[in-house]
Protein backbone atom coordinates (compact mmCIF):
# COMPACT_ATOMS: atom_id res chain seq x y z
CA MET A 1 -0.02 0.01 0.00
CA HIS A 2 2.76 2.47 0.99
CA ARG A 3 4.74 1.50 -2.12
CA ALA A 4 1.67 2.35 -4.30
CA VAL A 5 1.30 5.67 -2.63
CA TRP A 6 4.96 6.49 -3.22
CA TRP A 7 4.56 5.49 -6.82
CA LEU A 8 1.63 7.83 -7.29
CA ILE A 9 3.59 10.66 -5.60
CA GLY A 10 6.53 9.98 -7.91
CA ILE A 11 4.33 9.95 -11.04
CA ALA A 12 2.65 13.21 -9.99
CA ALA A 13 6.08 14.85 -9.38
CA LEU A 14 7.34 13.70 -12.76
CA ALA A 15 4.21 14.99 -14.44
CA SER A 16 4.70 18.39 -12.70
CA LEU A 17 8.32 18.56 -13.73
CA TRP A 18 7.31 17.59 -17.31
CA SER A 19 5.50 20.92 -17.54
CA TRP A 20 7.35 23.17 -15.11
CA VAL A 21 10.99 22.68 -16.31
CA PRO A 22 10.35 23.71 -19.94
CA SER A 23 8.04 26.58 -18.85
CA ALA A 24 10.67 27.90 -16.44
CA PHE A 25 13.30 27.80 -19.13
CA VAL A 26 11.13 29.63 -21.63
CA ARG A 27 10.29 32.38 -19.12
CA TYR A 28 14.03 32.80 -18.32
CA GLN A 29 14.93 32.87 -22.13
CA VAL A 30 12.16 35.43 -23.02
CA ALA A 31 12.94 37.67 -20.08
CA ALA A 32 16.68 37.71 -20.89
CA SER A 33 15.88 38.59 -24.50
CA ILE A 34 13.58 41.46 -23.53
CA ARG A 35 16.14 42.92 -21.12
CA ALA A 36 18.94 42.54 -23.74
CA GLN A 37 16.86 44.29 -26.49
CA LEU A 38 14.79 46.85 -24.56
CA GLY A 39 16.38 47.27 -21.11
CA THR A 40 14.83 46.33 -17.83
CA PRO A 41 11.11 47.11 -17.68
CA GLY A 42 9.44 48.39 -14.56
CA GLN A 43 7.57 45.15 -14.27
CA LEU A 44 7.67 41.90 -16.31
CA THR A 45 5.27 38.99 -16.15
CA ILE A 46 5.63 35.93 -18.46
CA ARG A 47 3.16 33.03 -18.48
CA VAL A 48 3.93 29.88 -20.38
CA ARG A 49 1.81 26.77 -21.15
CA THR A 50 3.75 23.91 -22.88
CA THR A 51 5.11 20.43 -22.36
CA ALA A 52 8.53 18.86 -22.57
CA TRP A 53 7.49 17.21 -25.80
CA SER A 54 6.63 20.54 -27.48
CA PHE A 55 9.71 22.21 -26.00
CA ALA A 56 11.92 19.42 -27.41
CA ARG A 57 10.73 20.42 -30.81
CA GLY A 58 11.48 24.17 -30.07
CA ARG A 59 7.81 25.10 -29.67
CA VAL A 60 5.67 26.62 -26.96
CA ASP A 61 1.93 25.99 -26.94
CA HIS A 62 0.90 29.34 -25.41
CA LEU A 63 2.88 32.33 -24.27
CA GLU A 64 1.76 35.59 -22.63
CA ILE A 65 4.02 38.56 -21.99
CA GLU A 66 3.09 41.67 -19.98
CA ALA A 67 5.58 44.48 -19.31
CA ARG A 68 5.29 47.97 -17.87
CA ASP A 69 7.38 51.08 -18.37
CA LEU A 70 9.28 49.95 -21.52
CA SER A 71 11.35 52.34 -23.59
CA LEU A 72 10.61 52.07 -27.24
CA SER A 73 11.93 54.70 -29.79
CA GLN A 74 11.01 58.26 -28.63
CA VAL A 75 8.41 57.39 -26.04
CA SER A 76 8.01 55.08 -23.06
CA VAL A 77 5.24 52.48 -23.26
CA ARG A 78 3.24 52.43 -20.03
CA ARG A 79 2.00 48.87 -20.72
CA PHE A 80 2.84 46.13 -23.30
CA ARG A 81 0.85 42.97 -23.46
CA ALA A 82 1.17 40.04 -26.00
CA SER A 83 -0.65 36.69 -26.17
CA MET A 84 0.54 34.01 -28.69
CA THR A 85 -0.07 30.39 -29.57
CA GLY A 86 2.19 28.01 -31.59
CA VAL A 87 5.39 29.87 -30.72
CA GLU A 88 8.65 28.75 -32.29
CA MET A 89 11.57 29.60 -30.09
CA ALA A 90 15.03 30.50 -31.24
CA GLY A 91 17.69 27.94 -30.26
CA PRO A 92 19.95 28.55 -27.22
CA GLY A 93 23.06 30.61 -28.02
CA GLN A 94 21.72 32.08 -31.30
CA GLY A 95 21.49 35.58 -29.93
CA GLY A 96 18.79 38.15 -30.89
CA PRO A 97 15.10 37.62 -30.17
CA ALA A 98 14.11 34.59 -28.22
CA ILE A 99 10.94 34.17 -30.33
CA ARG A 100 11.36 33.19 -33.95
CA SER A 101 7.72 33.12 -35.00
CA ALA A 102 4.22 32.50 -33.78
CA GLU A 103 1.17 30.95 -35.52
CA SER A 104 -1.30 33.57 -34.13
CA GLY A 105 -1.72 36.13 -31.39
CA ASN A 106 -2.35 39.75 -30.58
CA ALA A 107 -0.58 42.53 -28.76
CA GLU A 108 -1.51 45.84 -27.14
CA LEU A 109 0.54 48.86 -26.17
CA GLU A 110 -0.54 51.80 -24.11
CA ILE A 111 1.07 55.30 -24.18
CA GLY A 112 -0.02 57.71 -21.44
CA GLN A 113 -0.23 61.49 -21.08
CA PRO A 114 3.14 61.87 -19.24
CA ASP A 115 4.86 59.90 -22.02
CA LEU A 116 3.66 62.37 -24.63
CA GLU A 117 4.56 65.33 -22.42
CA ARG A 118 8.16 64.09 -22.26
CA LEU A 119 8.13 63.60 -26.03
CA LEU A 120 7.01 67.23 -26.72
CA ALA A 121 9.45 68.56 -24.14
CA ALA A 122 12.24 66.85 -25.98
CA HIS A 123 11.06 68.65 -29.17
CA GLY A 124 11.10 72.24 -27.87
CA ILE A 125 7.79 72.64 -25.97
CA ILE A 126 8.54 74.03 -22.50
CA GLY A 127 6.31 72.71 -19.76
CA PRO A 128 3.83 70.94 -22.08
CA ALA A 129 0.45 69.99 -20.71
CA VAL A 130 -1.08 67.30 -22.88
CA ALA A 131 -4.75 66.35 -23.19
CA ILE A 132 -5.81 63.12 -25.00
CA ASP A 133 -9.33 62.44 -26.17
CA ALA A 134 -11.10 60.64 -29.06
CA ASP A 135 -10.56 63.73 -31.33
CA GLY A 136 -6.79 63.83 -31.03
CA ILE A 137 -3.94 65.23 -29.03
CA THR A 138 -3.69 68.81 -27.86
CA ALA A 139 -0.91 70.42 -25.77
CA THR A 140 -0.14 73.88 -24.40
CA GLY A 141 3.25 75.16 -23.28
CA LEU A 142 5.92 77.69 -24.25
CA LEU A 143 7.83 77.58 -27.56
CA ARG A 144 10.44 79.56 -29.42
CA ALA A 145 10.00 79.25 -33.18
CA GLY A 146 12.54 81.53 -34.88
CA PRO A 147 11.68 85.17 -34.01
CA VAL A 148 8.39 84.13 -32.49
CA ALA A 149 8.34 83.02 -28.81
CA GLY A 150 5.57 82.64 -26.35
CA PRO A 151 2.61 80.50 -25.33
CA ALA A 152 1.96 77.73 -27.80
CA ARG A 153 -0.94 75.42 -28.55
CA VAL A 154 -0.26 72.17 -30.52
CA SER A 155 -2.74 69.74 -32.02
CA GLY A 156 -1.87 66.50 -33.64
CA GLN A 157 -2.82 63.00 -34.81
CA PHE A 158 -1.23 59.57 -34.91
CA TYR A 159 -0.84 57.39 -37.92
CA ALA A 160 0.84 54.11 -38.62
CA ALA A 161 3.47 53.43 -41.34
CA SER A 162 5.15 50.29 -42.61
CA GLY A 163 2.97 48.20 -40.24
CA THR A 164 5.37 48.66 -37.34
CA ASP A 165 5.96 52.37 -36.93
CA LEU A 166 3.69 54.89 -35.20
CA HIS A 167 4.14 58.59 -36.24
CA PHE A 168 2.77 61.81 -34.75
CA ARG A 169 1.73 64.49 -37.24
CA VAL A 170 1.22 68.12 -36.11
CA THR A 171 -2.03 69.35 -37.47
CA SER A 172 -1.92 72.88 -36.05
CA LEU A 173 0.57 74.99 -34.10
CA ALA A 174 -0.09 78.49 -32.83
CA VAL A 175 2.53 80.59 -31.11
CA ASN A 176 1.38 83.77 -29.37
CA GLY A 177 -1.88 83.32 -31.16
CA MET A 178 -0.16 83.28 -34.60
CA GLU A 179 -1.04 80.11 -36.57
CA LEU A 180 1.93 78.50 -38.42
CA PRO A 181 1.42 76.70 -41.71
CA PRO A 182 1.35 72.92 -41.17
CA ALA A 183 4.66 72.31 -43.05
CA LEU A 184 6.44 74.90 -40.93
CA ALA A 185 4.75 73.62 -37.75
CA ASN A 186 6.05 70.05 -38.38
CA ALA A 187 9.52 71.45 -39.27
CA VAL A 188 9.64 73.48 -36.06
CA LEU A 189 8.82 70.59 -33.74
CA ALA A 190 10.63 67.96 -35.99
CA VAL A 191 8.53 65.28 -34.49
CA ALA A 192 7.18 63.70 -37.67
CA SER A 193 10.43 62.82 -39.34
CA GLN A 194 10.97 59.75 -37.15
CA PRO A 195 8.48 57.31 -35.71
CA ILE A 196 7.72 58.07 -32.11
CA LEU A 197 7.15 54.41 -31.52
CA SER A 198 8.61 51.49 -33.46
CA LEU A 199 7.53 47.98 -32.88
CA ARG A 200 10.53 46.54 -34.79
CA GLY A 201 12.47 46.06 -31.65
CA LEU A 202 9.84 44.00 -29.85
CA PRO A 203 10.61 40.38 -29.13
CA VAL A 204 7.31 39.58 -30.83
CA PRO A 205 6.62 39.68 -34.66
CA VAL A 206 3.75 42.21 -34.77
CA GLN A 207 2.01 44.57 -37.20
CA ILE A 208 -0.15 47.55 -36.19
CA GLU A 209 -3.81 46.94 -36.70
CA ARG A 210 -5.34 50.17 -35.32
CA VAL A 211 -4.79 53.03 -32.96
CA THR A 212 -7.41 54.33 -30.64
CA LEU A 213 -7.47 57.50 -28.49
CA GLU A 214 -9.15 57.44 -25.16
CA ILE A 215 -9.30 59.92 -22.27
CA GLY A 216 -5.72 60.14 -21.06
CA ARG A 217 -4.18 57.38 -23.19
CA VAL A 218 -3.29 56.11 -26.62
CA VAL A 219 -3.83 52.40 -27.28
CA VAL A 220 -2.01 50.66 -30.16
CA TYR A 221 -3.52 47.27 -31.18
CA ALA A 222 -1.34 44.85 -33.16
CA GLN A 223 -1.58 41.32 -34.61
CA VAL A 224 1.19 38.77 -34.35
CA VAL A 225 2.27 38.04 -37.89
CA GLY A 226 4.60 35.36 -39.00
CA SER A 227 8.28 35.48 -38.39
CA LEU A 228 10.83 37.90 -37.04
CA ARG A 229 13.47 36.56 -39.42
C-alpha cells in the first residue's frame, strides 16, 4: 500500500516537472531577450503553457508577456501585453530575439499622457500639458519658433506606417496666437520625421492593426504576424 502511494507521488512529481521545467526555461529565455533588447522594464510577467514534448521540438503551446514602463523609440510604453499560440523559439546561443515566430496572437501597447509630455518637451515645448481624447492630441506650453516666442498650442494625430511604426503629425501649431502653416509647424517641432514608436525592436513579430485614443491614453492594437526573421 505504501509503495503504491509513493509510486503515485513519484508519477505526480514527474508530471509536474514535465511541464514546469520547460516553462521555467522559456520564461528565463524570453525575459533575458527582452532585457537585452529593450532594457529592464518596470515590471515583467511571463506566462507559459507547454510540455517537454513541445519544447523538445522548439515550440511553446501558449505564451503571454506583460511588461510595464518599456522604452521604445522616442516614447516610453506604459504597458505592453502580448498573447501568442504556436510559438517557435530560437535555439539557445543564437542571440537576438528569443521568439522566432508565432502561428497567431495579438498585442496591445498603451502610451500615457506623461509619455507624450516628455516627447513634446524633447522637441522644444517648454512645460507641455497634454490632453488626450477621441478627437486627437492637444498640448499647451511655451515655444520659441525663430523670431516668435511665447505661449503655444499644438494639435496632432497619430498614424501608422510600414505596419510597425507609429508617427505623430502636427495638424496645427499656434505661437502667441499666430497660426503657423502645417509644413512649418512640423519642421519647427521636428517630431514627424522619425517614428515616435517602433515595434520593430519588440521580441514579438507584430503589425499595427489600429490606434485608438481614449481619455488620457493612446492604445495601439497589433496582430502577431509570421516570423521575425
